[in-house]
Amino acid sequence: MVKIRLKRMGAHKKPFYRIVVADSRNARNGRFIDEIGYFNPMVEPNDVKIDAEKAKDWMGKGAQPTERVRTLLKNAGVID
């Protein structure tokens, strides 16, 4: 199954996440298919950038967002 999920990056105790489309069998920071945005929780307010067209396209193809990514997509206005 294809998932839209977070890929953790950044230094120790300073997380930075990329929003990627990946096969659910791959490791969290392993191989991915496409990168559709990023999420930085270390700044206030949280810095989120999502390519809405790519996200909608992948969800149309059957990709399932994780819980956290679904929340980010809702806050960005990509999904209802």
PDB file of N, CA and C in Angstrom:
ATOM      1  N   MET A   1       0.836  -1.182   0.000  1.00  0.00           N
ATOM      2  CA  MET A   1       0.000   0.000   0.000  1.00  0.00           C
ATOM      3  C   MET A   1       0.882   1.246   0.000  1.00  0.00           C
ATOM      4  N   VAL A   2       0.471   2.244  -0.728  1.00  0.00           N
ATOM      5  CA  VAL A   2       1.207   3.502  -0.801  1.00  0.00           C
ATOM      6  C   VAL A   2       0.668   4.456   0.263  1.00  0.00           C
ATOM      7  N   LYS A   3       1.585   5.052   1.019  1.00  0.00           N
ATOM      8  CA  LYS A   3       1.220   5.965   2.108  1.00  0.00           C
ATOM      9  C   LYS A   3       1.841   7.336   1.867  1.00  0.00           C
ATOM     10  N   ILE A   4       1.164   8.357   2.354  1.00  0.00           N
ATOM     11  CA  ILE A   4       1.743   9.700   2.423  1.00  0.00           C
ATOM     12  C   ILE A   4       2.118   9.881   3.883  1.00  0.00           C
ATOM     13  N   ARG A   5       3.415  10.017   4.158  1.00  0.00           N
ATOM     14  CA  ARG A   5       3.866  10.040   5.538  1.00  0.00           C
ATOM     15  C   ARG A   5       5.045  10.987   5.727  1.00  0.00           C
ATOM     16  N   LEU A   6       5.487  11.100   6.985  1.00  0.00           N
ATOM     17  CA  LEU A   6       6.591  11.987   7.320  1.00  0.00           C
ATOM     18  C   LEU A   6       7.917  11.226   7.307  1.00  0.00           C
ATOM     19  N   LYS A   7       8.941  11.869   6.773  1.00  0.00           N
ATOM     20  CA  LYS A   7      10.304  11.343   6.794  1.00  0.00           C
ATOM     21  C   LYS A   7      11.103  12.270   7.701  1.00  0.00           C
ATOM     22  N   ARG A   8      11.645  11.727   8.800  1.00  0.00           N
ATOM     23  CA  ARG A   8      12.333  12.560   9.785  1.00  0.00           C
ATOM     24  C   ARG A   8      13.733  12.914   9.315  1.00  0.00           C
ATOM     25  N   MET A   9      14.051  14.190   9.481  1.00  0.00           N
ATOM     26  CA  MET A   9      15.379  14.691   9.151  1.00  0.00           C
ATOM     27  C   MET A   9      15.781  15.659  10.253  1.00  0.00           C
ATOM     28  N   GLY A  10      16.912  16.307  10.116  1.00  0.00           N
ATOM     29  CA  GLY A  10      17.337  17.277  11.109  1.00  0.00           C
ATOM     30  C   GLY A  10      18.254  16.664  12.144  1.00  0.00           C
ATOM     31  N   ALA A  11      18.776  17.508  13.002  1.00  0.00           N
ATOM     32  CA  ALA A  11      19.725  17.088  14.022  1.00  0.00           C
ATOM     33  C   ALA A  11      19.012  16.495  15.236  1.00  0.00           C
ATOM     34  N   HIS A  12      19.804  15.980  16.163  1.00  0.00           N
ATOM     35  CA  HIS A  12      19.286  15.419  17.408  1.00  0.00           C
ATOM     36  C   HIS A  12      18.507  16.482  18.179  1.00  0.00           C
ATOM     37  N   LYS A  13      17.269  16.162  18.540  1.00  0.00           N
ATOM     38  CA  LYS A  13      16.354  17.067  19.258  1.00  0.00           C
ATOM     39  C   LYS A  13      15.961  18.312  18.461  1.00  0.00           C
ATOM     40  N   LYS A  14      16.193  18.311  17.166  1.00  0.00           N
ATOM     41  CA  LYS A  14      15.776  19.411  16.284  1.00  0.00           C
ATOM     42  C   LYS A  14      15.148  18.801  15.027  1.00  0.00           C
ATOM     43  N   PRO A  15      13.978  18.191  15.177  1.00  0.00           N
ATOM     44  CA  PRO A  15      13.392  17.477  14.043  1.00  0.00           C
ATOM     45  C   PRO A  15      12.900  18.408  12.938  1.00  0.00           C
ATOM     46  N   PHE A  16      12.966  17.896  11.740  1.00  0.00           N
ATOM     47  CA  PHE A  16      12.457  18.532  10.535  1.00  0.00           C
ATOM     48  C   PHE A  16      11.920  17.386   9.699  1.00  0.00           C
ATOM     49  N   TYR A  17      10.744  17.541   9.144  1.00  0.00           N
ATOM     50  CA  TYR A  17      10.124  16.431   8.430  1.00  0.00           C
ATOM     51  C   TYR A  17       9.850  16.791   6.980  1.00  0.00           C
ATOM     52  N   ARG A  18      10.044  15.816   6.106  1.00  0.00           N
ATOM     53  CA  ARG A  18       9.614  15.945   4.726  1.00  0.00           C
ATOM     54  C   ARG A  18       8.376  15.084   4.565  1.00  0.00           C
ATOM     55  N   ILE A  19       7.415  15.578   3.804  1.00  0.00           N
ATOM     56  CA  ILE A  19       6.192  14.824   3.543  1.00  0.00           C
ATOM     57  C   ILE A  19       6.431  14.074   2.240  1.00  0.00           C
ATOM     58  N   VAL A  20       6.432  12.743   2.326  1.00  0.00           N
ATOM     59  CA  VAL A  20       6.778  11.917   1.176  1.00  0.00           C
ATOM     60  C   VAL A  20       5.693  10.889   0.897  1.00  0.00           C
ATOM     61  N   VAL A  21       5.701  10.396  -0.336  1.00  0.00           N
ATOM     62  CA  VAL A  21       4.847   9.290  -0.750  1.00  0.00           C
ATOM     63  C   VAL A  21       5.758   8.074  -0.815  1.00  0.00           C
ATOM     64  N   ALA A  22       5.420   7.020  -0.061  1.00  0.00           N
ATOM     65  CA  ALA A  22       6.284   5.842   0.012  1.00  0.00           C
ATOM     66  C   ALA A  22       5.460   4.573   0.140  1.00  0.00           C
ATOM     67  N   ASP A  23       6.069   3.465  -0.234  1.00  0.00           N
ATOM     68  CA  ASP A  23       5.460   2.161  -0.019  1.00  0.00           C
ATOM     69  C   ASP A  23       5.485   1.890   1.480  1.00  0.00           C
ATOM     70  N   SER A  24       4.399   1.381   2.027  1.00  0.00           N
ATOM     71  CA  SER A  24       4.308   1.182   3.469  1.00  0.00           C
ATOM     72  C   SER A  24       5.294   0.141   3.986  1.00  0.00           C
ATOM     73  N   ARG A  25       5.836  -0.701   3.122  1.00  0.00           N
ATOM     74  CA  ARG A  25       6.794  -1.720   3.541  1.00  0.00           C
ATOM     75  C   ARG A  25       8.206  -1.164   3.718  1.00  0.00           C
ATOM     76  N   ASN A  26       8.474   0.023   3.186  1.00  0.00           N
ATOM     77  CA  ASN A  26       9.796   0.626   3.319  1.00  0.00           C
ATOM     78  C   ASN A  26       9.962   1.266   4.694  1.00  0.00           C
ATOM     79  N   ALA A  27      11.227   1.415   5.114  1.00  0.00           N
ATOM     80  CA  ALA A  27      11.532   2.024   6.407  1.00  0.00           C
ATOM     81  C   ALA A  27      11.092   3.480   6.424  1.00  0.00           C
ATOM     82  N   ARG A  28      10.940   4.033   7.631  1.00  0.00           N
ATOM     83  CA  ARG A  28      10.478   5.422   7.789  1.00  0.00           C
ATOM     84  C   ARG A  28      11.350   6.396   6.998  1.00  0.00           C
ATOM     85  N   ASN A  29      12.657   6.254   7.088  1.00  0.00           N
ATOM     86  CA  ASN A  29      13.563   7.146   6.370  1.00  0.00           C
ATOM     87  C   ASN A  29      14.167   6.479   5.145  1.00  0.00           C
ATOM     88  N   GLY A  30      13.531   5.415   4.682  1.00  0.00           N
ATOM     89  CA  GLY A  30      14.043   4.659   3.540  1.00  0.00           C
ATOM     90  C   GLY A  30      13.604   5.245   2.208  1.00  0.00           C
ATOM     91  N   ARG A  31      13.537   4.354   1.237  1.00  0.00           N
ATOM     92  CA  ARG A  31      13.213   4.747  -0.125  1.00  0.00           C
ATOM     93  C   ARG A  31      11.801   5.320  -0.213  1.00  0.00           C
ATOM     94  N   PHE A  32      11.657   6.369  -1.016  1.00  0.00           N
ATOM     95  CA  PHE A  32      10.329   6.959  -1.218  1.00  0.00           C
ATOM     96  C   PHE A  32      10.099   7.200  -2.697  1.00  0.00           C
ATOM     97  N   ILE A  33       8.856   7.424  -3.064  1.00  0.00           N
ATOM     98  CA  ILE A  33       8.466   7.592  -4.458  1.00  0.00           C
ATOM     99  C   ILE A  33       8.520   9.054  -4.869  1.00  0.00           C
ATOM    100  N   ASP A  34       7.960   9.935  -4.034  1.00  0.00           N
ATOM    101  CA  ASP A  34       7.862  11.352  -4.370  1.00  0.00           C
ATOM    102  C   ASP A  34       7.859  12.188  -3.093  1.00  0.00           C
ATOM    103  N   GLU A  35       8.391  13.396  -3.188  1.00  0.00           N
ATOM    104  CA  GLU A  35       8.372  14.326  -2.063  1.00  0.00           C
ATOM    105  C   GLU A  35       7.367  15.426  -2.396  1.00  0.00           C
ATOM    106  N   ILE A  36       6.415  15.654  -1.475  1.00  0.00           N
ATOM    107  CA  ILE A  36       5.361  16.618  -1.784  1.00  0.00           C
ATOM    108  C   ILE A  36       5.343  17.828  -0.857  1.00  0.00           C
ATOM    109  N   GLY A  37       6.260  17.894   0.107  1.00  0.00           N
ATOM    110  CA  GLY A  37       6.294  19.063   0.981  1.00  0.00           C
ATOM    111  C   GLY A  37       7.180  18.857   2.182  1.00  0.00           C
ATOM    112  N   TYR A  38       7.075  19.787   3.137  1.00  0.00           N
ATOM    113  CA  TYR A  38       7.855  19.678   4.368  1.00  0.00           C
ATOM    114  C   TYR A  38       7.067  20.236   5.547  1.00  0.00           C
ATOM    115  N   PHE A  39       7.545  19.904   6.754  1.00  0.00           N
ATOM    116  CA  PHE A  39       6.913  20.328   7.998  1.00  0.00           C
ATOM    117  C   PHE A  39       8.014  20.590   9.018  1.00  0.00           C
ATOM    118  N   ASN A  40       8.049  21.815   9.556  1.00  0.00           N
ATOM    119  CA  ASN A  40       9.039  22.183  10.557  1.00  0.00           C
ATOM    120  C   ASN A  40       8.322  22.549  11.850  1.00  0.00           C
ATOM    121  N   PRO A  41       8.322  21.639  12.853  1.00  0.00           N
ATOM    122  CA  PRO A  41       7.622  21.907  14.111  1.00  0.00           C
ATOM    123  C   PRO A  41       8.418  22.772  15.090  1.00  0.00           C
ATOM    124  N   MET A  42       9.652  23.130  14.754  1.00  0.00           N
ATOM    125  CA  MET A  42      10.530  23.838  15.689  1.00  0.00           C
ATOM    126  C   MET A  42      10.341  25.355  15.674  1.00  0.00           C
ATOM    127  N   VAL A  43       9.557  25.868  14.756  1.00  0.00           N
ATOM    128  CA  VAL A  43       9.302  27.309  14.710  1.00  0.00           C
ATOM    129  C   VAL A  43       7.848  27.562  15.107  1.00  0.00           C
ATOM    130  N   GLU A  44       7.579  28.748  15.571  1.00  0.00           N
ATOM    131  CA  GLU A  44       6.223  29.088  15.977  1.00  0.00           C
ATOM    132  C   GLU A  44       5.723  30.228  15.113  1.00  0.00           C
ATOM    133  N   PRO A  45       4.658  30.131  14.342  1.00  0.00           N
ATOM    134  CA  PRO A  45       3.842  28.939  14.143  1.00  0.00           C
ATOM    135  C   PRO A  45       4.569  27.901  13.283  1.00  0.00           C
ATOM    136  N   ASN A  46       4.085  26.655  13.332  1.00  0.00           N
ATOM    137  CA  ASN A  46       4.713  25.575  12.570  1.00  0.00           C
ATOM    138  C   ASN A  46       4.779  25.922  11.088  1.00  0.00           C
ATOM    139  N   ASP A  47       5.916  25.632  10.476  1.00  0.00           N
ATOM    140  CA  ASP A  47       6.149  25.931   9.061  1.00  0.00           C
ATOM    141  C   ASP A  47       5.777  24.704   8.239  1.00  0.00           C
ATOM    142  N   VAL A  48       4.719  24.834   7.420  1.00  0.00           N
ATOM    143  CA  VAL A  48       4.259  23.715   6.601  1.00  0.00           C
ATOM    144  C   VAL A  48       4.119  24.190   5.168  1.00  0.00           C
ATOM    145  N   LYS A  49       4.678  23.423   4.231  1.00  0.00           N
ATOM    146  CA  LYS A  49       4.506  23.708   2.813  1.00  0.00           C
ATOM    147  C   LYS A  49       4.158  22.407   2.126  1.00  0.00           C
ATOM    148  N   ILE A  50       3.024  22.379   1.445  1.00  0.00           N
ATOM    149  CA  ILE A  50       2.557  21.167   0.767  1.00  0.00           C
ATOM    150  C   ILE A  50       2.162  21.523  -0.657  1.00  0.00           C
ATOM    151  N   ASP A  51       2.620  20.721  -1.611  1.00  0.00           N
ATOM    152  CA  ASP A  51       2.206  20.872  -2.998  1.00  0.00           C
ATOM    153  C   ASP A  51       0.825  20.227  -3.121  1.00  0.00           C
ATOM    154  N   ALA A  52      -0.212  21.054  -3.120  1.00  0.00           N
ATOM    155  CA  ALA A  52      -1.596  20.556  -3.085  1.00  0.00           C
ATOM    156  C   ALA A  52      -1.931  19.706  -4.305  1.00  0.00           C
ATOM    157  N   GLU A  53      -1.437  20.089  -5.471  1.00  0.00           N
ATOM    158  CA  GLU A  53      -1.739  19.327  -6.680  1.00  0.00           C
ATOM    159  C   GLU A  53      -1.177  17.914  -6.607  1.00  0.00           C
ATOM    160  N   LYS A  54       0.073  17.797  -6.153  1.00  0.00           N
ATOM    161  CA  LYS A  54       0.685  16.478  -6.025  1.00  0.00           C
ATOM    162  C   LYS A  54      -0.044  15.636  -4.981  1.00  0.00           C
ATOM    163  N   ALA A  55      -0.409  16.251  -3.866  1.00  0.00           N
ATOM    164  CA  ALA A  55      -1.101  15.526  -2.801  1.00  0.00           C
ATOM    165  C   ALA A  55      -2.446  14.990  -3.305  1.00  0.00           C
ATOM    166  N   LYS A  56      -3.215  15.832  -3.972  1.00  0.00           N
ATOM    167  CA  LYS A  56      -4.514  15.390  -4.495  1.00  0.00           C
ATOM    168  C   LYS A  56      -4.335  14.308  -5.549  1.00  0.00           C
ATOM    169  N   ASP A  57      -3.309  14.455  -6.392  1.00  0.00           N
ATOM    170  CA  ASP A  57      -3.033  13.468  -7.432  1.00  0.00           C
ATOM    171  C   ASP A  57      -2.720  12.102  -6.818  1.00  0.00           C
ATOM    172  N   TRP A  58      -1.858  12.079  -5.807  1.00  0.00           N
ATOM    173  CA  TRP A  58      -1.499  10.814  -5.170  1.00  0.00           C
ATOM    174  C   TRP A  58      -2.676  10.206  -4.417  1.00  0.00           C
ATOM    175  N   MET A  59      -3.495  11.024  -3.763  1.00  0.00           N
ATOM    176  CA  MET A  59      -4.662  10.486  -3.074  1.00  0.00           C
ATOM    177  C   MET A  59      -5.680   9.954  -4.078  1.00  0.00           C
ATOM    178  N   GLY A  60      -5.746  10.586  -5.252  1.00  0.00           N
ATOM    179  CA  GLY A  60      -6.608  10.083  -6.317  1.00  0.00           C
ATOM    180  C   GLY A  60      -6.153   8.735  -6.840  1.00  0.00           C
ATOM    181  N   LYS A  61      -4.854   8.476  -6.745  1.00  0.00           N
ATOM    182  CA  LYS A  61      -4.299   7.188  -7.171  1.00  0.00           C
ATOM    183  C   LYS A  61      -4.388   6.132  -6.073  1.00  0.00           C
ATOM    184  N   GLY A  62      -4.882   6.506  -4.887  1.00  0.00           N
ATOM    185  CA  GLY A  62      -5.093   5.537  -3.824  1.00  0.00           C
ATOM    186  C   GLY A  62      -4.141   5.631  -2.649  1.00  0.00           C
ATOM    187  N   ALA A  63      -3.264   6.624  -2.611  1.00  0.00           N
ATOM    188  CA  ALA A  63      -2.337   6.766  -1.484  1.00  0.00           C
ATOM    189  C   ALA A  63      -3.109   7.203  -0.242  1.00  0.00           C
ATOM    190  N   GLN A  64      -2.795   6.599   0.900  1.00  0.00           N
ATOM    191  CA  GLN A  64      -3.468   6.901   2.154  1.00  0.00           C
ATOM    192  C   GLN A  64      -2.564   7.737   3.050  1.00  0.00           C
ATOM    193  N   PRO A  65      -2.987   8.926   3.466  1.00  0.00           N
ATOM    194  CA  PRO A  65      -2.164   9.717   4.391  1.00  0.00           C
ATOM    195  C   PRO A  65      -2.227   9.149   5.811  1.00  0.00           C
ATOM    196  N   THR A  66      -1.130   9.279   6.547  1.00  0.00           N
ATOM    197  CA  THR A  66      -1.123   8.873   7.945  1.00  0.00           C
ATOM    198  C   THR A  66      -1.940   9.891   8.739  1.00  0.00           C
ATOM    199  N   GLU A  67      -2.173   9.597  10.024  1.00  0.00           N
ATOM    200  CA  GLU A  67      -2.987  10.484  10.854  1.00  0.00           C
ATOM    201  C   GLU A  67      -2.425  11.903  10.909  1.00  0.00           C
ATOM    202  N   ARG A  68      -1.126  12.010  11.187  1.00  0.00           N
ATOM    203  CA  ARG A  68      -0.495  13.331  11.312  1.00  0.00           C
ATOM    204  C   ARG A  68      -0.511  14.081   9.979  1.00  0.00           C
ATOM    205  N   VAL A  69      -0.239  13.379   8.895  1.00  0.00           N
ATOM    206  CA  VAL A  69      -0.242  14.027   7.573  1.00  0.00           C
ATOM    207  C   VAL A  69      -1.660  14.448   7.204  1.00  0.00           C
ATOM    208  N   ARG A  70      -2.654  13.644   7.564  1.00  0.00           N
ATOM    209  CA  ARG A  70      -4.045  14.020   7.292  1.00  0.00           C
ATOM    210  C   ARG A  70      -4.379  15.341   7.994  1.00  0.00           C
ATOM    211  N   THR A  71      -3.923  15.494   9.242  1.00  0.00           N
ATOM    212  CA  THR A  71      -4.140  16.739   9.987  1.00  0.00           C
ATOM    213  C   THR A  71      -3.457  17.915   9.286  1.00  0.00           C
ATOM    214  N   LEU A  72      -2.224  17.708   8.838  1.00  0.00           N
ATOM    215  CA  LEU A  72      -1.503  18.769   8.137  1.00  0.00           C
ATOM    216  C   LEU A  72      -2.205  19.152   6.841  1.00  0.00           C
ATOM    217  N   LEU A  73      -2.706  18.152   6.112  1.00  0.00           N
ATOM    218  CA  LEU A  73      -3.423  18.422   4.861  1.00  0.00           C
ATOM    219  C   LEU A  73      -4.713  19.198   5.124  1.00  0.00           C
ATOM    220  N   LYS A  74      -5.422  18.857   6.194  1.00  0.00           N
ATOM    221  CA  LYS A  74      -6.649  19.577   6.538  1.00  0.00           C
ATOM    222  C   LYS A  74      -6.336  21.028   6.896  1.00  0.00           C
ATOM    223  N   ASN A  75      -5.291  21.233   7.711  1.00  0.00           N
ATOM    224  CA  ASN A  75      -4.922  22.594   8.113  1.00  0.00           C
ATOM    225  C   ASN A  75      -4.452  23.434   6.928  1.00  0.00           C
ATOM    226  N   ALA A  76      -3.870  22.784   5.913  1.00  0.00           N
ATOM    227  CA  ALA A  76      -3.416  23.492   4.725  1.00  0.00           C
ATOM    228  C   ALA A  76      -4.552  23.709   3.727  1.00  0.00           C
ATOM    229  N   GLY A  77      -5.713  23.097   3.965  1.00  0.00           N
ATOM    230  CA  GLY A  77      -6.861  23.278   3.087  1.00  0.00           C
ATOM    231  C   GLY A  77      -6.830  22.391   1.857  1.00  0.00           C
ATOM    232  N   VAL A  78      -6.009  21.352   1.865  1.00  0.00           N
ATOM    233  CA  VAL A  78      -5.917  20.456   0.714  1.00  0.00           C
ATOM    234  C   VAL A  78      -7.094  19.493   0.694  1.00  0.00           C
ATOM    235  N   ILE A  79      -7.488  18.991   1.885  1.00  0.00           N
ATOM    236  CA  ILE A  79      -8.652  18.094   1.977  1.00  0.00           C
ATOM    237  C   ILE A  79      -9.632  18.666   2.996  1.00  0.00           C
ATOM    238  N   ASP A  80     -10.868  18.152   2.945  1.00  0.00           N
ATOM    239  CA  ASP A  80     -11.905  18.620   3.868  1.00  0.00           C
ATOM    240  C   ASP A  80     -11.891  17.840   5.152  1.00  0.00           C
TER     241      ASP A  80
END
